Amino acid sequence: MTLLTFRFAPSPNGELHLGHAYSALLNQKLAEAHGGRLLLRIEDIDTTRCTPQFEAGVLADMKWLGFGWEQPVRRQSEHFVEYQAVLDRLIREELVYPAFMSRGDIRAFIADSEKRGRDWPRDPDGVPFYPPSDKALPAKERKRRIAENEPFAWRLNIDAAVARAGRDLAWTEFTDESLSATRSVEARPQDWGDVIVARRDIPTSYHLAVIVDDALQGVSHVVRGQDLFSATGVQRLLQELLGLPQPAYFHHRLILGPDGRKLSKSLGDTGLARLREAGASPDDIRRMVGL
């Protein structure tokens, strides 16, 4: 019988808050309930914002909460070679293309389009779709601009990718915290347009790294916040394109601040370190998040 495997995967780009505590403790609760494995992954591909100091804070918070994980910890920044190999495959199969437009270029293109009376599509986060012009660039022009060190990002050609997948995509979503009932959710990766899958200097993005890591670590159940629900469609598409296994998902409720908004790492009053310094105990944190 295969052990169920859960993971908590924070980014060390700020201090953890009550929302992170809930996610970590829920993963721990489910792993214990099902006799499964519990992993800690450090998602630090953003090498400018992620720091050793923040990572040390993450580890200290997790130990204080009583979150016990299997060793070793997987740090994404140590696995760029693996992500590069996957990216190279997508490049060879012409499923991604170099996108050269800056944010200013994109804004200008969209403004001009909207002046002409065309509503520009946006993704579920409200970000405008990337304009289509770079997809039409000849290969020779792409190579020239890359050779001249022009800034670019690798974007998924969503139309080509969906066509390559060749069938309707869905994922299995658990509907409650006990993992006792599931439903099938239609994946709609096209709602995100041509998403970034890698940068010129960093051979991956969140979408790409997370599916590679989940596959390599044998993660069977992805338990994470509701704010990532829609993005799962893009990840299911990438799993299909790369022949990677599909975990089951549970997108849990978010812990909200006093203003009713999702917690942010900039909100110090809900930071775990701040609460600990104020005398809170791990049991207090469990009560605060409803566990």
Protein backbone atom coordinates (compact mmCIF):
# COMPACT_ATOMS: atom_id res chain seq x y z
CA MET A 1 0.00 0.00 0.00
CA THR A 2 1.38 3.39 -1.03
CA LEU A 3 1.73 5.92 1.78
CA LEU A 4 -0.17 9.16 1.33
CA THR A 5 2.26 12.07 1.11
CA PHE A 6 1.50 15.65 2.12
CA ARG A 7 3.68 18.76 1.99
CA PHE A 8 3.84 22.28 3.31
CA ALA A 9 5.69 24.56 0.90
CA PRO A 10 6.24 28.16 2.09
CA SER A 11 8.29 30.83 0.33
CA PRO A 12 10.89 32.48 2.61
CA ASN A 13 10.18 36.01 1.39
CA GLY A 14 8.67 37.27 4.65
CA GLU A 15 7.51 36.11 8.07
CA LEU A 16 4.88 33.39 8.34
CA HIS A 17 1.41 34.33 9.60
CA LEU A 18 -1.70 32.58 10.90
CA GLY A 19 -2.72 31.52 7.39
CA HIS A 20 0.54 29.63 6.96
CA ALA A 21 0.09 28.06 10.41
CA TYR A 22 -3.35 26.78 9.44
CA SER A 23 -2.09 25.26 6.20
CA ALA A 24 0.92 23.62 7.85
CA LEU A 25 -1.09 22.24 10.78
CA LEU A 26 -3.86 20.97 8.51
CA ASN A 27 -1.32 19.09 6.40
CA GLN A 28 0.15 17.64 9.59
CA LYS A 29 -3.29 16.65 10.91
CA LEU A 30 -4.17 14.86 7.66
CA ALA A 31 -0.81 13.08 7.42
CA GLU A 32 -1.21 11.81 10.99
CA ALA A 33 -4.84 10.78 10.43
CA HIS A 34 -3.92 8.72 7.36
CA GLY A 35 -0.57 7.39 8.56
CA GLY A 36 1.12 9.34 5.80
CA ARG A 37 4.34 11.23 5.14
CA LEU A 38 4.79 14.95 5.79
CA LEU A 39 7.33 17.00 3.84
CA LEU A 40 8.61 20.55 4.15
CA ARG A 41 9.62 22.26 0.90
CA ILE A 42 11.21 25.71 0.69
CA GLU A 43 9.96 27.44 -2.47
CA ASP A 44 12.77 29.95 -2.95
CA ILE A 45 13.09 30.37 -6.71
CA ASP A 46 12.70 34.13 -6.23
CA THR A 47 16.33 34.59 -5.28
CA THR A 48 15.99 38.35 -4.82
CA ARG A 49 13.17 38.31 -2.23
CA CYS A 50 13.86 34.99 -0.51
CA THR A 51 16.62 35.20 2.10
CA PRO A 52 18.41 32.85 4.53
CA GLN A 53 17.09 34.98 7.39
CA PHE A 54 13.47 34.45 6.35
CA GLU A 55 14.13 30.73 5.85
CA ALA A 56 15.57 30.49 9.36
CA GLY A 57 12.38 32.17 10.60
CA VAL A 58 10.23 29.63 8.73
CA LEU A 59 12.11 26.70 10.29
CA ALA A 60 11.94 28.25 13.77
CA ASP A 61 8.18 28.83 13.44
CA MET A 62 7.55 25.28 12.24
CA LYS A 63 9.60 23.74 15.07
CA TRP A 64 7.79 25.92 17.62
CA LEU A 65 4.40 24.81 16.27
CA GLY A 66 5.43 21.18 16.61
CA PHE A 67 5.38 20.59 12.86
CA GLY A 68 7.55 17.53 12.24
CA TRP A 69 8.77 16.81 8.74
CA GLU A 70 10.88 14.26 6.92
CA GLN A 71 14.45 15.20 6.14
CA PRO A 72 15.91 16.47 3.96
CA VAL A 73 14.11 19.72 3.24
CA ARG A 74 13.84 20.33 -0.51
CA ARG A 75 14.98 23.83 -1.49
CA GLN A 76 13.93 24.77 -5.00
CA SER A 77 16.99 27.00 -5.49
CA GLU A 78 19.16 23.85 -5.32
CA HIS A 79 17.34 22.16 -8.20
CA PHE A 80 17.54 24.58 -11.13
CA VAL A 81 19.23 21.90 -13.25
CA GLU A 82 16.15 19.68 -12.97
CA TYR A 83 13.81 22.53 -13.90
CA GLN A 84 16.06 23.48 -16.83
CA ALA A 85 15.76 19.95 -18.23
CA VAL A 86 11.96 20.17 -18.14
CA LEU A 87 12.00 23.66 -19.67
CA ASP A 88 14.31 22.44 -22.46
CA ARG A 89 11.75 19.76 -23.30
CA LEU A 90 8.96 22.34 -23.57
CA ILE A 91 11.21 24.48 -25.80
CA ARG A 92 12.03 21.52 -28.06
CA GLU A 93 8.35 20.67 -28.38
CA GLU A 94 7.56 24.31 -29.27
CA LEU A 95 5.09 24.68 -26.42
CA VAL A 96 6.78 27.80 -25.05
CA TYR A 97 8.15 30.93 -26.70
CA PRO A 98 10.40 33.83 -25.64
CA ALA A 99 8.28 36.87 -24.73
CA PHE A 100 10.16 40.16 -25.02
CA MET A 101 7.55 42.80 -24.17
CA SER A 102 8.14 44.83 -21.01
CA ARG A 103 5.33 45.78 -18.66
CA GLY A 104 5.29 49.20 -20.27
CA ASP A 105 5.06 47.62 -23.73
CA ILE A 106 2.15 45.48 -22.59
CA ARG A 107 0.30 48.44 -21.07
CA ALA A 108 0.78 50.48 -24.25
CA PHE A 109 -0.38 47.62 -26.49
CA ILE A 110 -3.50 47.06 -24.41
CA ALA A 111 -4.29 50.78 -24.15
CA ASP A 112 -4.09 51.08 -27.93
CA SER A 113 -6.31 48.02 -28.35
CA GLU A 114 -8.90 49.38 -25.92
CA LYS A 115 -8.90 52.75 -27.71
CA ARG A 116 -10.00 50.81 -30.77
CA GLY A 117 -12.94 49.46 -28.79
CA ARG A 118 -11.65 46.00 -27.93
CA ASP A 119 -12.01 44.78 -24.33
CA TRP A 120 -8.75 43.10 -23.37
CA PRO A 121 -9.07 39.71 -21.64
CA ARG A 122 -7.76 39.25 -18.09
CA ASP A 123 -6.90 36.19 -16.02
CA PRO A 124 -8.66 35.22 -12.76
CA ASP A 125 -6.26 37.47 -10.82
CA GLY A 126 -7.17 40.44 -13.01
CA VAL A 127 -3.86 40.51 -14.89
CA PRO A 128 -4.18 41.29 -18.62
CA PHE A 129 -3.38 38.50 -21.06
CA TYR A 130 -0.01 38.78 -22.77
CA PRO A 131 -0.38 40.19 -26.32
CA PRO A 132 0.02 37.65 -29.15
CA SER A 133 2.67 39.39 -31.25
CA ASP A 134 5.74 37.52 -29.93
CA LYS A 135 4.22 34.14 -30.81
CA ALA A 136 4.43 35.13 -34.47
CA LEU A 137 8.13 36.06 -34.44
CA PRO A 138 10.26 34.00 -36.84
CA ALA A 139 12.78 31.67 -35.18
CA LYS A 140 15.69 33.67 -36.62
CA GLU A 141 14.39 36.87 -35.04
CA ARG A 142 13.93 35.16 -31.68
CA LYS A 143 17.48 33.81 -31.73
CA ARG A 144 18.90 37.21 -32.66
CA ARG A 145 17.14 38.99 -29.82
CA ILE A 146 18.16 36.34 -27.30
CA ALA A 147 21.78 36.48 -28.53
CA GLU A 148 21.74 40.25 -28.00
CA ASN A 149 20.75 39.70 -24.35
CA GLU A 150 17.35 41.30 -24.74
CA PRO A 151 15.28 40.64 -21.59
CA PHE A 152 12.60 37.99 -22.02
CA ALA A 153 10.55 35.36 -20.23
CA TRP A 154 9.45 31.94 -21.47
CA ARG A 155 5.66 31.83 -21.83
CA LEU A 156 3.45 28.84 -22.41
CA ASN A 157 1.67 28.92 -25.76
CA ILE A 158 -1.65 28.10 -24.17
CA ASP A 159 -3.48 27.33 -27.43
CA ALA A 160 -0.76 24.94 -28.62
CA ALA A 161 -0.52 23.36 -25.16
CA VAL A 162 -4.25 22.74 -24.83
CA ALA A 163 -4.31 21.29 -28.35
CA ARG A 164 -1.38 19.01 -27.51
CA ALA A 165 -3.09 17.77 -24.35
CA GLY A 166 -5.85 16.67 -26.72
CA ARG A 167 -8.61 16.06 -24.21
CA ASP A 168 -10.66 17.69 -21.53
CA LEU A 169 -8.66 18.16 -18.35
CA ALA A 170 -9.93 17.83 -14.80
CA TRP A 171 -8.60 17.26 -11.32
CA THR A 172 -9.84 15.48 -8.21
CA GLU A 173 -10.79 17.95 -5.48
CA PHE A 174 -11.62 16.94 -1.91
CA THR A 175 -14.55 18.90 -0.54
CA ASP A 176 -13.91 18.85 3.21
CA GLU A 177 -11.06 18.75 5.71
CA SER A 178 -11.52 15.05 6.43
CA LEU A 179 -10.76 14.08 2.81
CA SER A 180 -13.90 11.96 2.84
CA ALA A 181 -15.61 13.19 -0.34
CA THR A 182 -14.37 14.27 -3.75
CA ARG A 183 -15.63 15.93 -6.88
CA SER A 184 -14.19 16.34 -10.34
CA VAL A 185 -13.28 19.91 -11.30
CA GLU A 186 -12.92 21.04 -14.91
CA ALA A 187 -9.49 22.52 -15.52
CA ARG A 188 -9.60 25.76 -17.49
CA PRO A 189 -5.94 26.65 -18.15
CA GLN A 190 -6.96 28.86 -21.09
CA ASP A 191 -8.45 31.32 -18.57
CA TRP A 192 -4.86 32.33 -17.72
CA GLY A 193 -3.59 33.11 -21.20
CA ASP A 194 0.08 32.55 -22.01
CA VAL A 195 1.47 32.24 -18.47
CA ILE A 196 5.16 32.61 -17.64
CA VAL A 197 6.84 29.25 -17.06
CA ALA A 198 10.45 30.47 -16.71
CA ARG A 199 12.63 33.57 -16.73
CA ARG A 200 15.76 34.16 -18.73
CA ASP A 201 17.94 33.84 -15.62
CA ILE A 202 15.73 31.48 -13.57
CA PRO A 203 14.73 28.34 -15.50
CA THR A 204 11.35 27.92 -13.85
CA SER A 205 8.29 29.61 -12.38
CA TYR A 206 5.95 28.64 -9.55
CA HIS A 207 3.71 26.68 -11.94
CA LEU A 208 6.55 24.63 -13.39
CA ALA A 209 8.58 24.06 -10.22
CA VAL A 210 5.61 22.95 -8.12
CA ILE A 211 4.52 20.16 -10.47
CA VAL A 212 8.09 18.90 -10.93
CA ASP A 213 8.65 18.88 -7.16
CA ASP A 214 5.33 17.19 -6.39
CA ALA A 215 6.16 14.44 -8.91
CA LEU A 216 9.75 13.91 -7.74
CA GLN A 217 8.72 13.86 -4.07
CA GLY A 218 5.78 11.52 -4.63
CA VAL A 219 3.24 13.99 -3.24
CA SER A 220 -0.19 12.35 -3.36
CA HIS A 221 -2.27 15.13 -1.75
CA VAL A 222 -1.79 18.86 -2.29
CA VAL A 223 -3.47 20.75 0.56
CA ARG A 224 -3.20 24.52 0.08
CA GLY A 225 -5.22 27.74 0.17
CA GLN A 226 -8.35 28.53 -1.82
CA ASP A 227 -6.49 31.41 -3.49
CA LEU A 228 -4.64 28.82 -5.63
CA PHE A 229 -7.77 26.96 -6.76
CA SER A 230 -7.98 28.46 -10.27
CA ALA A 231 -4.24 28.15 -10.87
CA THR A 232 -4.55 24.37 -10.53
CA GLY A 233 -5.87 24.32 -14.10
CA VAL A 234 -2.51 25.50 -15.46
CA GLN A 235 -0.67 22.96 -13.35
CA ARG A 236 -2.91 20.12 -14.54
CA LEU A 237 -2.14 21.09 -18.12
CA LEU A 238 1.61 21.04 -17.47
CA GLN A 239 1.32 17.67 -15.73
CA GLU A 240 -0.48 16.32 -18.79
CA LEU A 241 2.08 17.72 -21.23
CA LEU A 242 5.01 16.31 -19.26
CA GLY A 243 3.45 12.96 -18.36
CA LEU A 244 3.65 13.65 -14.62
CA PRO A 245 1.36 12.04 -12.03
CA GLN A 246 -1.67 13.96 -10.83
CA PRO A 247 -2.08 14.45 -7.06
CA ALA A 248 -5.47 14.93 -5.44
CA TYR A 249 -6.16 18.46 -4.25
CA PHE A 250 -7.85 20.18 -1.34
CA HIS A 251 -8.02 23.97 -1.40
CA HIS A 252 -8.77 24.97 2.15
CA ARG A 253 -10.45 28.07 3.55
CA LEU A 254 -8.33 31.16 4.03
CA ILE A 255 -7.64 32.76 7.39
CA LEU A 256 -8.78 36.36 7.01
CA GLY A 257 -7.65 39.51 8.78
CA PRO A 258 -9.88 41.85 10.80
CA ASP A 259 -10.70 43.71 7.58
CA GLY A 260 -11.96 40.51 5.94
CA ARG A 261 -9.06 40.30 3.51
CA LYS A 262 -6.55 37.50 3.00
CA LEU A 263 -3.58 37.74 5.34
CA SER A 264 -0.33 39.11 3.96
CA LYS A 265 3.25 38.67 5.13
CA SER A 266 3.30 42.44 5.63
CA LEU A 267 0.63 42.17 8.37
CA GLY A 268 2.80 41.97 11.45
CA ASP A 269 -0.02 41.56 13.96
CA THR A 270 -0.81 38.08 12.66
CA GLY A 271 2.83 37.03 12.22
CA LEU A 272 3.76 33.89 14.13
CA ALA A 273 6.98 35.37 15.49
CA ARG A 274 5.10 38.42 16.78
CA LEU A 275 2.41 36.25 18.39
CA ARG A 276 5.05 34.03 19.98
CA GLU A 277 6.84 37.06 21.42
CA ALA A 278 3.51 38.27 22.82
CA GLY A 279 3.17 35.04 24.80
CA ALA A 280 1.00 32.89 22.52
CA SER A 281 1.50 29.11 22.70
CA PRO A 282 1.21 26.58 19.88
CA ASP A 283 -2.15 25.51 21.34
CA ASP A 284 -3.29 29.16 21.20
CA ILE A 285 -2.39 29.23 17.50
CA ARG A 286 -4.39 26.04 16.87
CA ARG A 287 -7.41 27.56 18.54
CA MET A 288 -7.00 30.82 16.61
CA VAL A 289 -7.10 29.00 13.27
CA GLY A 290 -9.92 26.63 14.22
CA LEU A 291 -7.91 23.45 14.70
